Amino acid sequence: MSRKLAYRNLPQLFLKAREELLCHFRPIISHFGLTEQQWRILRTLSEMEQLEPREICELCHILSPSMTGVLSRMEEMGLVTRTRVPEDQRRVIVRLTRKSEQLVAELGPLIEAQYRVIEQAFGPELIRQLYEVMDKVIVAERGPIPRVALPEKKDWANLQF
């Protein structure tokens, strides 16, 4: 027996909206031989100059287990350098190379132009509202949102009906 839930699937709507926007940027990014994750890292490093991998994870919303592999591939491509901090060999600093600085200089204006095209298509007012709503969701001044109480855990994989 199926039951319709009272609320729309908000995370699914966010994913659909994300995909609707990313599909306009993906051809630009892939034209330059990059993945979306790699572009997010390059863009962030171009703004911040140098970061530790954990900071990149936070700013670029990339899970830590993926970050090592992504940075290794980017280092092999000559896009980033990783150097250990002399005072603390456990820490690593990631920086752009000259090659990636040139890549960002060439790719960046195309991304900016695509933003302008999107703004024209949707209208500046809707884009402004989207930024406003997203900012409100991200930095809402509220305490932690309580979580609903969960029932006792079941082994759904082996449950027989």
C-alpha atoms as a PDB file:
ATOM      1  CA  MET A   1       0.000   0.000   0.000  1.00  0.00           C
ATOM      2  CA  SER A   2       1.510   3.320  -1.105  1.00  0.00           C
ATOM      3  CA  ARG A   3       0.975   6.560   0.806  1.00  0.00           C
ATOM      4  CA  LYS A   4       1.624  10.031  -0.555  1.00  0.00           C
ATOM      5  CA  LEU A   5       3.909  12.067   1.687  1.00  0.00           C
ATOM      6  CA  ALA A   6       2.758  15.539   2.729  1.00  0.00           C
ATOM      7  CA  TYR A   7       5.977  17.364   1.752  1.00  0.00           C
ATOM      8  CA  ARG A   8       7.702  17.628  -1.605  1.00  0.00           C
ATOM      9  CA  ASN A   9      11.179  16.101  -1.737  1.00  0.00           C
ATOM     10  CA  LEU A  10      13.242  19.224  -1.006  1.00  0.00           C
ATOM     11  CA  PRO A  11      16.696  17.575  -1.393  1.00  0.00           C
ATOM     12  CA  GLN A  12      15.557  16.175  -4.765  1.00  0.00           C
ATOM     13  CA  LEU A  13      14.413  19.652  -5.851  1.00  0.00           C
ATOM     14  CA  PHE A  14      17.809  21.084  -4.891  1.00  0.00           C
ATOM     15  CA  LEU A  15      19.502  18.366  -6.960  1.00  0.00           C
ATOM     16  CA  LYS A  16      17.254  19.087  -9.963  1.00  0.00           C
ATOM     17  CA  ALA A  17      17.942  22.824  -9.693  1.00  0.00           C
ATOM     18  CA  ARG A  18      21.678  22.132  -9.375  1.00  0.00           C
ATOM     19  CA  GLU A  19      21.609  19.953 -12.480  1.00  0.00           C
ATOM     20  CA  GLU A  20      19.580  22.559 -14.394  1.00  0.00           C
ATOM     21  CA  LEU A  21      22.302  25.109 -13.702  1.00  0.00           C
ATOM     22  CA  LEU A  22      25.346  22.836 -14.022  1.00  0.00           C
ATOM     23  CA  CYS A  23      24.347  21.586 -17.452  1.00  0.00           C
ATOM     24  CA  HIS A  24      25.180  25.092 -18.728  1.00  0.00           C
ATOM     25  CA  PHE A  25      28.675  25.037 -17.209  1.00  0.00           C
ATOM     26  CA  ARG A  26      29.645  21.401 -17.747  1.00  0.00           C
ATOM     27  CA  PRO A  27      30.479  21.804 -21.491  1.00  0.00           C
ATOM     28  CA  ILE A  28      32.837  24.697 -20.695  1.00  0.00           C
ATOM     29  CA  ILE A  29      34.573  22.798 -17.904  1.00  0.00           C
ATOM     30  CA  SER A  30      34.911  19.565 -19.888  1.00  0.00           C
ATOM     31  CA  HIS A  31      36.158  21.477 -22.963  1.00  0.00           C
ATOM     32  CA  PHE A  32      39.230  22.299 -20.876  1.00  0.00           C
ATOM     33  CA  GLY A  33      39.657  18.659 -19.788  1.00  0.00           C
ATOM     34  CA  LEU A  34      38.462  19.195 -16.228  1.00  0.00           C
ATOM     35  CA  THR A  35      35.868  17.624 -13.987  1.00  0.00           C
ATOM     36  CA  GLU A  36      33.433  19.706 -11.967  1.00  0.00           C
ATOM     37  CA  GLN A  37      35.340  18.869  -8.775  1.00  0.00           C
ATOM     38  CA  GLN A  38      38.642  19.928 -10.334  1.00  0.00           C
ATOM     39  CA  TRP A  39      37.125  23.236 -11.483  1.00  0.00           C
ATOM     40  CA  ARG A  40      35.692  23.911  -8.011  1.00  0.00           C
ATOM     41  CA  ILE A  41      39.149  23.341  -6.531  1.00  0.00           C
ATOM     42  CA  LEU A  42      40.888  25.549  -9.112  1.00  0.00           C
ATOM     43  CA  ARG A  43      38.346  28.327  -8.669  1.00  0.00           C
ATOM     44  CA  THR A  44      38.620  28.192  -4.883  1.00  0.00           C
ATOM     45  CA  LEU A  45      42.439  28.125  -4.909  1.00  0.00           C
ATOM     46  CA  SER A  46      42.491  31.043  -7.347  1.00  0.00           C
ATOM     47  CA  GLU A  47      40.493  33.048  -4.790  1.00  0.00           C
ATOM     48  CA  MET A  48      42.321  31.811  -1.658  1.00  0.00           C
ATOM     49  CA  GLU A  49      45.875  31.254  -3.053  1.00  0.00           C
ATOM     50  CA  GLN A  50      46.684  28.266  -0.833  1.00  0.00           C
ATOM     51  CA  LEU A  51      44.717  25.869   1.318  1.00  0.00           C
ATOM     52  CA  GLU A  52      45.076  22.647   3.219  1.00  0.00           C
ATOM     53  CA  PRO A  53      43.152  19.655   1.829  1.00  0.00           C
ATOM     54  CA  ARG A  54      40.649  19.703   4.715  1.00  0.00           C
ATOM     55  CA  GLU A  55      39.888  23.373   3.937  1.00  0.00           C
ATOM     56  CA  ILE A  56      39.376  22.510   0.277  1.00  0.00           C
ATOM     57  CA  CYS A  57      36.955  19.758   1.337  1.00  0.00           C
ATOM     58  CA  GLU A  58      34.913  22.252   3.331  1.00  0.00           C
ATOM     59  CA  LEU A  59      34.912  25.050   0.764  1.00  0.00           C
ATOM     60  CA  CYS A  60      34.369  22.843  -2.300  1.00  0.00           C
ATOM     61  CA  HIS A  61      31.986  20.359  -0.668  1.00  0.00           C
ATOM     62  CA  ILE A  62      34.066  17.353  -1.616  1.00  0.00           C
ATOM     63  CA  LEU A  63      34.218  14.398   0.743  1.00  0.00           C
ATOM     64  CA  SER A  64      37.606  13.781   2.317  1.00  0.00           C
ATOM     65  CA  PRO A  65      38.003  10.211   0.934  1.00  0.00           C
ATOM     66  CA  SER A  66      37.667  11.614  -2.617  1.00  0.00           C
ATOM     67  CA  MET A  67      39.998  14.552  -2.072  1.00  0.00           C
ATOM     68  CA  THR A  68      43.260  12.595  -2.007  1.00  0.00           C
ATOM     69  CA  GLY A  69      42.572  11.001  -5.383  1.00  0.00           C
ATOM     70  CA  VAL A  70      41.374  14.243  -6.963  1.00  0.00           C
ATOM     71  CA  LEU A  71      44.440  16.146  -5.755  1.00  0.00           C
ATOM     72  CA  SER A  72      46.763  13.342  -6.916  1.00  0.00           C
ATOM     73  CA  ARG A  73      45.279  13.471 -10.417  1.00  0.00           C
ATOM     74  CA  MET A  74      45.478  17.269 -10.446  1.00  0.00           C
ATOM     75  CA  GLU A  75      49.130  17.105  -9.367  1.00  0.00           C
ATOM     76  CA  GLU A  76      49.847  14.587 -12.157  1.00  0.00           C
ATOM     77  CA  MET A  77      48.161  16.999 -14.614  1.00  0.00           C
ATOM     78  CA  GLY A  78      50.435  19.802 -13.391  1.00  0.00           C
ATOM     79  CA  LEU A  79      47.514  21.820 -11.976  1.00  0.00           C
ATOM     80  CA  VAL A  80      48.452  21.923  -8.289  1.00  0.00           C
ATOM     81  CA  THR A  81      51.443  21.476  -6.067  1.00  0.00           C
ATOM     82  CA  ARG A  82      51.330  19.922  -2.625  1.00  0.00           C
ATOM     83  CA  THR A  83      54.036  20.801  -0.158  1.00  0.00           C
ATOM     84  CA  ARG A  84      54.471  19.834   3.460  1.00  0.00           C
ATOM     85  CA  VAL A  85      54.490  22.572   6.065  1.00  0.00           C
ATOM     86  CA  PRO A  86      58.089  22.716   7.409  1.00  0.00           C
ATOM     87  CA  GLU A  87      57.000  23.221  11.033  1.00  0.00           C
ATOM     88  CA  ASP A  88      54.461  20.386  10.916  1.00  0.00           C
ATOM     89  CA  GLN A  89      55.161  17.608   8.402  1.00  0.00           C
ATOM     90  CA  ARG A  90      51.628  16.233   8.878  1.00  0.00           C
ATOM     91  CA  ARG A  91      50.155  19.326   7.227  1.00  0.00           C
ATOM     92  CA  VAL A  92      50.082  19.882   3.466  1.00  0.00           C
ATOM     93  CA  ILE A  93      49.545  23.114   1.539  1.00  0.00           C
ATOM     94  CA  VAL A  94      47.953  23.007  -1.910  1.00  0.00           C
ATOM     95  CA  ARG A  95      48.641  25.767  -4.449  1.00  0.00           C
ATOM     96  CA  LEU A  96      47.910  26.444  -8.091  1.00  0.00           C
ATOM     97  CA  THR A  97      50.689  26.072 -10.651  1.00  0.00           C
ATOM     98  CA  ARG A  98      51.370  28.640 -13.375  1.00  0.00           C
ATOM     99  CA  LYS A  99      49.644  26.283 -15.782  1.00  0.00           C
ATOM    100  CA  SER A 100      46.453  26.243 -13.728  1.00  0.00           C
ATOM    101  CA  GLU A 101      46.596  30.008 -13.172  1.00  0.00           C
ATOM    102  CA  GLN A 102      46.585  30.401 -16.967  1.00  0.00           C
ATOM    103  CA  LEU A 103      43.785  27.840 -17.227  1.00  0.00           C
ATOM    104  CA  VAL A 104      41.675  29.779 -14.696  1.00  0.00           C
ATOM    105  CA  ALA A 105      42.440  33.030 -16.557  1.00  0.00           C
ATOM    106  CA  GLU A 106      41.123  31.497 -19.790  1.00  0.00           C
ATOM    107  CA  LEU A 107      38.237  29.457 -18.391  1.00  0.00           C
ATOM    108  CA  GLY A 108      37.051  31.990 -15.779  1.00  0.00           C
ATOM    109  CA  PRO A 109      35.743  34.617 -18.224  1.00  0.00           C
ATOM    110  CA  LEU A 110      33.763  31.928 -20.070  1.00  0.00           C
ATOM    111  CA  ILE A 111      32.153  30.862 -16.790  1.00  0.00           C
ATOM    112  CA  GLU A 112      31.358  34.504 -16.013  1.00  0.00           C
ATOM    113  CA  ALA A 113      29.853  34.950 -19.495  1.00  0.00           C
ATOM    114  CA  GLN A 114      27.696  31.858 -18.943  1.00  0.00           C
ATOM    115  CA  TYR A 115      26.472  33.345 -15.652  1.00  0.00           C
ATOM    116  CA  ARG A 116      25.380  36.459 -17.586  1.00  0.00           C
ATOM    117  CA  VAL A 117      23.569  34.306 -20.155  1.00  0.00           C
ATOM    118  CA  ILE A 118      21.762  32.437 -17.372  1.00  0.00           C
ATOM    119  CA  GLU A 119      20.842  35.713 -15.684  1.00  0.00           C
ATOM    120  CA  GLN A 120      19.382  36.997 -18.943  1.00  0.00           C
ATOM    121  CA  ALA A 121      17.408  33.771 -19.443  1.00  0.00           C
ATOM    122  CA  PHE A 122      15.945  33.673 -15.907  1.00  0.00           C
ATOM    123  CA  GLY A 123      15.936  37.397 -15.259  1.00  0.00           C
ATOM    124  CA  PRO A 124      18.100  39.279 -12.776  1.00  0.00           C
ATOM    125  CA  GLU A 125      15.317  39.419 -10.182  1.00  0.00           C
ATOM    126  CA  LEU A 126      14.907  35.626 -10.014  1.00  0.00           C
ATOM    127  CA  ILE A 127      18.683  35.136  -9.812  1.00  0.00           C
ATOM    128  CA  ARG A 128      18.847  37.693  -6.981  1.00  0.00           C
ATOM    129  CA  GLN A 129      16.011  35.865  -5.186  1.00  0.00           C
ATOM    130  CA  LEU A 130      17.755  32.510  -5.653  1.00  0.00           C
ATOM    131  CA  TYR A 131      20.965  33.851  -4.101  1.00  0.00           C
ATOM    132  CA  GLU A 132      18.932  35.342  -1.255  1.00  0.00           C
ATOM    133  CA  VAL A 133      17.039  32.127  -0.523  1.00  0.00           C
ATOM    134  CA  MET A 134      20.174  29.967  -0.751  1.00  0.00           C
ATOM    135  CA  ASP A 135      22.024  32.303   1.613  1.00  0.00           C
ATOM    136  CA  LYS A 136      19.107  32.127   4.051  1.00  0.00           C
ATOM    137  CA  VAL A 137      19.083  28.320   3.968  1.00  0.00           C
ATOM    138  CA  ILE A 138      22.856  28.100   4.402  1.00  0.00           C
ATOM    139  CA  VAL A 139      23.369  30.701   7.134  1.00  0.00           C
ATOM    140  CA  ALA A 140      19.991  30.773   8.833  1.00  0.00           C
ATOM    141  CA  GLU A 141      20.193  32.259  12.305  1.00  0.00           C
ATOM    142  CA  ARG A 142      18.738  29.392  14.240  1.00  0.00           C
ATOM    143  CA  GLY A 143      19.866  26.732  16.590  1.00  0.00           C
ATOM    144  CA  PRO A 144      20.382  23.167  15.471  1.00  0.00           C
ATOM    145  CA  ILE A 145      17.273  21.644  13.962  1.00  0.00           C
ATOM    146  CA  PRO A 146      16.099  18.748  16.138  1.00  0.00           C
ATOM    147  CA  ARG A 147      15.923  15.322  14.504  1.00  0.00           C
ATOM    148  CA  VAL A 148      12.913  13.079  14.748  1.00  0.00           C
ATOM    149  CA  ALA A 149      13.153  10.082  17.037  1.00  0.00           C
ATOM    150  CA  LEU A 150      13.975   6.924  15.108  1.00  0.00           C
ATOM    151  CA  PRO A 151      12.356   3.553  15.747  1.00  0.00           C
ATOM    152  CA  GLU A 152      14.435   0.559  16.779  1.00  0.00           C
ATOM    153  CA  LYS A 153      16.728  -0.474  13.948  1.00  0.00           C
ATOM    154  CA  LYS A 154      15.629  -3.407  11.770  1.00  0.00           C
ATOM    155  CA  ASP A 155      17.692  -5.536   9.437  1.00  0.00           C
ATOM    156  CA  TRP A 156      15.710  -4.552   6.328  1.00  0.00           C
ATOM    157  CA  ALA A 157      17.988  -6.557   4.032  1.00  0.00           C
ATOM    158  CA  ASN A 158      16.985  -9.835   5.706  1.00  0.00           C
ATOM    159  CA  LEU A 159      13.414  -8.996   6.728  1.00  0.00           C
ATOM    160  CA  GLN A 160      10.893 -11.566   5.463  1.00  0.00           C
ATOM    161  CA  PHE A 161       7.297 -10.698   4.591  1.00  0.00           C
END
